All heavy atoms as atom14 arrays in JSON, in Angstrom:
{
  "sequence": "DFTGFTGTFSMFNSVTSNNVISGGLTLGSGM",
  "atom14_mask": [
    [1, 1, 1, 1, 1, 1, 1, 1, 0, 0, 0, 0, 0, 0],
    [1, 1, 1, 1, 1, 1, 1, 1, 1, 1, 1, 0, 0, 0],
    [1, 1, 1, 1, 1, 1, 1, 0, 0, 0, 0, 0, 0, 0],
    [1, 1, 1, 1, 0, 0, 0, 0, 0, 0, 0, 0, 0, 0],
    [1, 1, 1, 1, 1, 1, 1, 1, 1, 1, 1, 0, 0, 0],
    [1, 1, 1, 1, 1, 1, 1, 0, 0, 0, 0, 0, 0, 0],
    [1, 1, 1, 1, 0, 0, 0, 0, 0, 0, 0, 0, 0, 0],
    [1, 1, 1, 1, 1, 1, 1, 0, 0, 0, 0, 0, 0, 0],
    [1, 1, 1, 1, 1, 1, 1, 1, 1, 1, 1, 0, 0, 0],
    [1, 1, 1, 1, 1, 1, 0, 0, 0, 0, 0, 0, 0, 0],
    [1, 1, 1, 1, 1, 1, 1, 1, 0, 0, 0, 0, 0, 0],
    [1, 1, 1, 1, 1, 1, 1, 1, 1, 1, 1, 0, 0, 0],
    [1, 1, 1, 1, 1, 1, 1, 1, 0, 0, 0, 0, 0, 0],
    [1, 1, 1, 1, 1, 1, 0, 0, 0, 0, 0, 0, 0, 0],
    [1, 1, 1, 1, 1, 1, 1, 0, 0, 0, 0, 0, 0, 0],
    [1, 1, 1, 1, 1, 1, 1, 0, 0, 0, 0, 0, 0, 0],
    [1, 1, 1, 1, 1, 1, 0, 0, 0, 0, 0, 0, 0, 0],
    [1, 1, 1, 1, 1, 1, 1, 1, 0, 0, 0, 0, 0, 0],
    [1, 1, 1, 1, 1, 1, 1, 1, 0, 0, 0, 0, 0, 0],
    [1, 1, 1, 1, 1, 1, 1, 0, 0, 0, 0, 0, 0, 0],
    [1, 1, 1, 1, 1, 1, 1, 1, 0, 0, 0, 0, 0, 0],
    [1, 1, 1, 1, 1, 1, 0, 0, 0, 0, 0, 0, 0, 0],
    [1, 1, 1, 1, 0, 0, 0, 0, 0, 0, 0, 0, 0, 0],
    [1, 1, 1, 1, 0, 0, 0, 0, 0, 0, 0, 0, 0, 0],
    [1, 1, 1, 1, 1, 1, 1, 1, 0, 0, 0, 0, 0, 0],
    [1, 1, 1, 1, 1, 1, 1, 0, 0, 0, 0, 0, 0, 0],
    [1, 1, 1, 1, 1, 1, 1, 1, 0, 0, 0, 0, 0, 0],
    [1, 1, 1, 1, 0, 0, 0, 0, 0, 0, 0, 0, 0, 0],
    [1, 1, 1, 1, 1, 1, 0, 0, 0, 0, 0, 0, 0, 0],
    [1, 1, 1, 1, 0, 0, 0, 0, 0, 0, 0, 0, 0, 0],
    [1, 1, 1, 1, 1, 1, 1, 1, 0, 0, 0, 0, 0, 0]
  ],
  "atom14_positions": [
    [[0.84, -1.2, 0.0], [0.0, 0.0, 0.0], [0.88, 1.26, 0.0], [1.7, 1.45, 0.89], [-0.9, -0.02, 1.23], [-2.02, 1.0, 1.16], [-1.82, 2.09, 0.59], [-3.11, 0.72, 1.7], [0.0, 0.0, 0.0], [0.0, 0.0, 0.0], [0.0, 0.0, 0.0], [0.0, 0.0, 0.0], [0.0, 0.0, 0.0], [0.0, 0.0, 0.0]],
    [[0.69, 2.12, -1.02], [1.44, 3.36, -1.14], [0.57, 4.59, -0.87], [0.92, 5.69, -1.29], [2.05, 3.47, -2.54], [3.14, 2.49, -2.84], [2.85, 1.23, -3.37], [4.47, 2.8, -2.59], [3.86, 0.32, -3.66], [5.49, 1.9, -2.87], [5.18, 0.66, -3.41], [0.0, 0.0, 0.0], [0.0, 0.0, 0.0], [0.0, 0.0, 0.0]],
    [[-0.54, 4.43, -0.2], [-1.44, 5.56, 0.06], [-0.71, 6.66, 0.83], [-0.12, 6.41, 1.88], [-2.66, 5.09, 0.85], [-3.37, 4.09, 0.1], [-3.6, 6.24, 1.13], [0.0, 0.0, 0.0], [0.0, 0.0, 0.0], [0.0, 0.0, 0.0], [0.0, 0.0, 0.0], [0.0, 0.0, 0.0], [0.0, 0.0, 0.0], [0.0, 0.0, 0.0]],
    [[-0.75, 7.89, 0.3], [-0.12, 9.02, 0.95], [1.35, 9.2, 0.65], [1.94, 10.23, 1.01], [0.0, 0.0, 0.0], [0.0, 0.0, 0.0], [0.0, 0.0, 0.0], [0.0, 0.0, 0.0], [0.0, 0.0, 0.0], [0.0, 0.0, 0.0], [0.0, 0.0, 0.0], [0.0, 0.0, 0.0], [0.0, 0.0, 0.0], [0.0, 0.0, 0.0]],
    [[1.97, 8.24, -0.01], [3.41, 8.3, -0.32], [3.65, 9.36, -1.39], [2.98, 9.38, -2.42], [3.88, 6.94, -0.78], [5.36, 6.83, -1.04], [6.28, 7.2, -0.08], [5.83, 6.33, -2.25], [7.65, 7.07, -0.31], [7.17, 6.2, -2.5], [8.1, 6.58, -1.52], [0.0, 0.0, 0.0], [0.0, 0.0, 0.0], [0.0, 0.0, 0.0]],
    [[4.61, 10.24, -1.16], [4.93, 11.31, -2.12], [6.28, 11.12, -2.78], [6.73, 11.98, -3.53], [4.9, 12.68, -1.43], [5.86, 12.69, -0.36], [3.51, 12.99, -0.88], [0.0, 0.0, 0.0], [0.0, 0.0, 0.0], [0.0, 0.0, 0.0], [0.0, 0.0, 0.0], [0.0, 0.0, 0.0], [0.0, 0.0, 0.0], [0.0, 0.0, 0.0]],
    [[6.93, 10.02, -2.48], [8.24, 9.75, -3.07], [8.13, 8.96, -4.35], [7.11, 8.95, -5.04], [0.0, 0.0, 0.0], [0.0, 0.0, 0.0], [0.0, 0.0, 0.0], [0.0, 0.0, 0.0], [0.0, 0.0, 0.0], [0.0, 0.0, 0.0], [0.0, 0.0, 0.0], [0.0, 0.0, 0.0], [0.0, 0.0, 0.0], [0.0, 0.0, 0.0]],
    [[9.22, 8.26, -4.67], [9.32, 7.48, -5.91], [9.6, 6.02, -5.57], [10.48, 5.72, -4.75], [10.45, 8.02, -6.8], [10.17, 9.36, -7.17], [10.61, 7.18, -8.05], [0.0, 0.0, 0.0], [0.0, 0.0, 0.0], [0.0, 0.0, 0.0], [0.0, 0.0, 0.0], [0.0, 0.0, 0.0], [0.0, 0.0, 0.0], [0.0, 0.0, 0.0]],
    [[8.84, 5.13, -6.2], [9.15, 3.71, -6.12], [9.57, 3.27, -7.51], [8.84, 3.46, -8.48], [7.95, 2.9, -5.64], [8.26, 1.43, -5.47], [9.09, 1.01, -4.45], [7.75, 0.48, -6.33], [9.41, -0.34, -4.28], [8.05, -0.86, -6.18], [8.88, -1.27, -5.15], [0.0, 0.0, 0.0], [0.0, 0.0, 0.0], [0.0, 0.0, 0.0]],
    [[10.75, 2.69, -7.59], [11.31, 2.34, -8.89], [11.53, 0.84, -9.03], [12.18, 0.22, -8.19], [12.65, 3.07, -9.1], [13.25, 2.64, -10.31], [0.0, 0.0, 0.0], [0.0, 0.0, 0.0], [0.0, 0.0, 0.0], [0.0, 0.0, 0.0], [0.0, 0.0, 0.0], [0.0, 0.0, 0.0], [0.0, 0.0, 0.0], [0.0, 0.0, 0.0]],
    [[10.97, 0.29, -10.11], [11.27, -1.08, -10.51], [12.14, -1.07, -11.77], [12.31, -2.09, -12.43], [9.98, -1.86, -10.78], [9.08, -1.98, -9.57], [7.52, -2.85, -9.9], [8.09, -4.53, -10.11], [0.0, 0.0, 0.0], [0.0, 0.0, 0.0], [0.0, 0.0, 0.0], [0.0, 0.0, 0.0], [0.0, 0.0, 0.0], [0.0, 0.0, 0.0]],
    [[12.69, 0.09, -12.07], [13.37, 0.3, -13.35], [14.58, -0.61, -13.53], [14.86, -1.07, -14.62], [13.81, 1.76, -13.47], [14.15, 2.18, -14.87], [13.15, 2.51, -15.78], [15.47, 2.23, -15.29], [13.46, 2.88, -17.07], [15.78, 2.6, -16.59], [14.78, 2.93, -17.49], [0.0, 0.0, 0.0], [0.0, 0.0, 0.0], [0.0, 0.0, 0.0]],
    [[15.29, -0.89, -12.45], [16.5, -1.7, -12.55], [16.36, -3.08, -11.94], [17.34, -3.75, -11.67], [17.67, -0.96, -11.88], [18.05, 0.3, -12.63], [18.13, 0.3, -13.84], [18.28, 1.38, -11.89], [0.0, 0.0, 0.0], [0.0, 0.0, 0.0], [0.0, 0.0, 0.0], [0.0, 0.0, 0.0], [0.0, 0.0, 0.0], [0.0, 0.0, 0.0]],
    [[15.1, -3.51, -11.72], [14.9, -4.83, -11.13], [15.06, -5.94, -12.17], [15.22, -7.1, -11.83], [13.53, -4.92, -10.46], [12.51, -4.57, -11.35], [0.0, 0.0, 0.0], [0.0, 0.0, 0.0], [0.0, 0.0, 0.0], [0.0, 0.0, 0.0], [0.0, 0.0, 0.0], [0.0, 0.0, 0.0], [0.0, 0.0, 0.0], [0.0, 0.0, 0.0]],
    [[15.03, -5.58, -13.43], [15.31, -6.47, -14.57], [14.38, -7.68, -14.57], [13.39, -7.69, -15.28], [16.79, -6.89, -14.62], [17.07, -7.65, -15.91], [17.69, -5.67, -14.52], [0.0, 0.0, 0.0], [0.0, 0.0, 0.0], [0.0, 0.0, 0.0], [0.0, 0.0, 0.0], [0.0, 0.0, 0.0], [0.0, 0.0, 0.0], [0.0, 0.0, 0.0]],
    [[14.7, -8.71, -13.8], [13.86, -9.92, -13.84], [13.33, -10.31, -12.47], [12.72, -11.37, -12.33], [14.66, -11.11, -14.42], [15.82, -11.33, -13.62], [15.07, -10.83, -15.86], [0.0, 0.0, 0.0], [0.0, 0.0, 0.0], [0.0, 0.0, 0.0], [0.0, 0.0, 0.0], [0.0, 0.0, 0.0], [0.0, 0.0, 0.0], [0.0, 0.0, 0.0]],
    [[13.58, -9.51, -11.44], [13.13, -9.87, -10.09], [11.74, -9.31, -9.84], [11.55, -8.09, -9.77], [14.11, -9.32, -9.05], [15.38, -9.92, -9.2], [0.0, 0.0, 0.0], [0.0, 0.0, 0.0], [0.0, 0.0, 0.0], [0.0, 0.0, 0.0], [0.0, 0.0, 0.0], [0.0, 0.0, 0.0], [0.0, 0.0, 0.0], [0.0, 0.0, 0.0]],
    [[10.77, -10.2, -9.7], [9.38, -9.77, -9.52], [9.11, -9.34, -8.08], [9.83, -9.68, -7.16], [8.43, -10.91, -9.9], [8.48, -11.21, -11.38], [8.45, -10.32, -12.21], [8.55, -12.49, -11.73], [0.0, 0.0, 0.0], [0.0, 0.0, 0.0], [0.0, 0.0, 0.0], [0.0, 0.0, 0.0], [0.0, 0.0, 0.0], [0.0, 0.0, 0.0]],
    [[8.04, -8.61, -7.93], [7.52, -8.22, -6.63], [6.31, -9.12, -6.38], [5.31, -9.04, -7.11], [7.12, -6.74, -6.65], [6.85, -6.18, -5.28], [6.05, -6.73, -4.54], [7.5, -5.07, -4.95], [0.0, 0.0, 0.0], [0.0, 0.0, 0.0], [0.0, 0.0, 0.0], [0.0, 0.0, 0.0], [0.0, 0.0, 0.0], [0.0, 0.0, 0.0]],
    [[6.39, -9.97, -5.37], [5.37, -11.0, -5.16], [4.43, -10.57, -4.04], [4.88, -10.28, -2.92], [6.03, -12.35, -4.83], [4.97, -13.41, -4.56], [6.93, -12.79, -5.99], [0.0, 0.0, 0.0], [0.0, 0.0, 0.0], [0.0, 0.0, 0.0], [0.0, 0.0, 0.0], [0.0, 0.0, 0.0], [0.0, 0.0, 0.0], [0.0, 0.0, 0.0]],
    [[3.13, -10.54, -4.34], [2.12, -10.0, -3.44], [1.09, -11.08, -3.14], [0.47, -11.63, -4.05], [1.45, -8.76, -4.05], [2.5, -7.67, -4.32], [0.34, -8.23, -3.15], [1.96, -6.48, -5.07], [0.0, 0.0, 0.0], [0.0, 0.0, 0.0], [0.0, 0.0, 0.0], [0.0, 0.0, 0.0], [0.0, 0.0, 0.0], [0.0, 0.0, 0.0]],
    [[0.87, -11.35, -1.85], [-0.07, -12.4, -1.45], [-1.48, -11.88, -1.25], [-2.38, -12.66, -0.94], [0.42, -13.06, -0.14], [1.72, -13.59, -0.32], [0.0, 0.0, 0.0], [0.0, 0.0, 0.0], [0.0, 0.0, 0.0], [0.0, 0.0, 0.0], [0.0, 0.0, 0.0], [0.0, 0.0, 0.0], [0.0, 0.0, 0.0], [0.0, 0.0, 0.0]],
    [[-1.67, -10.58, -1.37], [-2.99, -9.99, -1.21], [-3.28, -8.99, -2.3], [-3.41, -9.34, -3.46], [0.0, 0.0, 0.0], [0.0, 0.0, 0.0], [0.0, 0.0, 0.0], [0.0, 0.0, 0.0], [0.0, 0.0, 0.0], [0.0, 0.0, 0.0], [0.0, 0.0, 0.0], [0.0, 0.0, 0.0], [0.0, 0.0, 0.0], [0.0, 0.0, 0.0]],
    [[-3.38, -7.69, -1.93], [-3.74, -6.65, -2.9], [-2.68, -5.58, -3.01], [-1.67, -5.58, -2.3], [0.0, 0.0, 0.0], [0.0, 0.0, 0.0], [0.0, 0.0, 0.0], [0.0, 0.0, 0.0], [0.0, 0.0, 0.0], [0.0, 0.0, 0.0], [0.0, 0.0, 0.0], [0.0, 0.0, 0.0], [0.0, 0.0, 0.0], [0.0, 0.0, 0.0]],
    [[-2.92, -4.64, -3.94], [-1.97, -3.57, -4.24], [-2.71, -2.25, -4.37], [-3.75, -2.17, -5.04], [-1.24, -3.87, -5.55], [-0.4, -2.73, -6.15], [0.84, -2.46, -5.28], [0.02, -3.07, -7.59], [0.0, 0.0, 0.0], [0.0, 0.0, 0.0], [0.0, 0.0, 0.0], [0.0, 0.0, 0.0], [0.0, 0.0, 0.0], [0.0, 0.0, 0.0]],
    [[-2.16, -1.19, -3.74], [-2.67, 0.16, -3.92], [-1.49, 1.07, -4.22], [-0.6, 1.25, -3.38], [-3.4, 0.67, -2.67], [-4.51, -0.17, -2.37], [-3.9, 2.1, -2.88], [0.0, 0.0, 0.0], [0.0, 0.0, 0.0], [0.0, 0.0, 0.0], [0.0, 0.0, 0.0], [0.0, 0.0, 0.0], [0.0, 0.0, 0.0], [0.0, 0.0, 0.0]],
    [[-1.47, 1.65, -5.43], [-0.47, 2.65, -5.78], [-1.01, 4.02, -5.39], [-2.19, 4.3, -5.6], [-0.15, 2.59, -7.27], [0.47, 1.28, -7.76], [0.67, 1.31, -9.27], [1.81, 1.01, -7.06], [0.0, 0.0, 0.0], [0.0, 0.0, 0.0], [0.0, 0.0, 0.0], [0.0, 0.0, 0.0], [0.0, 0.0, 0.0], [0.0, 0.0, 0.0]],
    [[-0.16, 4.88, -4.84], [-0.61, 6.18, -4.37], [-0.78, 7.18, -5.49], [-0.01, 7.2, -6.46], [0.0, 0.0, 0.0], [0.0, 0.0, 0.0], [0.0, 0.0, 0.0], [0.0, 0.0, 0.0], [0.0, 0.0, 0.0], [0.0, 0.0, 0.0], [0.0, 0.0, 0.0], [0.0, 0.0, 0.0], [0.0, 0.0, 0.0], [0.0, 0.0, 0.0]],
    [[-1.78, 8.04, -5.36], [-2.05, 9.03, -6.41], [-0.94, 10.07, -6.5], [-0.7, 10.63, -7.57], [-3.39, 9.71, -6.15], [-3.4, 10.34, -4.88], [0.0, 0.0, 0.0], [0.0, 0.0, 0.0], [0.0, 0.0, 0.0], [0.0, 0.0, 0.0], [0.0, 0.0, 0.0], [0.0, 0.0, 0.0], [0.0, 0.0, 0.0], [0.0, 0.0, 0.0]],
    [[-0.25, 10.35, -5.38], [0.76, 11.39, -5.37], [2.18, 10.89, -5.51], [3.13, 11.67, -5.43], [0.0, 0.0, 0.0], [0.0, 0.0, 0.0], [0.0, 0.0, 0.0], [0.0, 0.0, 0.0], [0.0, 0.0, 0.0], [0.0, 0.0, 0.0], [0.0, 0.0, 0.0], [0.0, 0.0, 0.0], [0.0, 0.0, 0.0], [0.0, 0.0, 0.0]],
    [[2.37, 9.61, -5.73], [3.7, 9.04, -5.84], [4.17, 9.04, -7.29], [3.39, 9.22, -8.22], [3.7, 7.59, -5.33], [2.94, 6.63, -6.24], [2.89, 4.91, -5.63], [4.59, 4.4, -5.82], [0.0, 0.0, 0.0], [0.0, 0.0, 0.0], [0.0, 0.0, 0.0], [0.0, 0.0, 0.0], [0.0, 0.0, 0.0], [0.0, 0.0, 0.0]]
  ]
}
């Protein structure tokens, strides 16, 4: 959950490493 986050989350250099989520995902509107 990224609610309220104003920074940057980068997957730009993760190349082949996935982000594994066992539930849900919320990307923040201001990130």
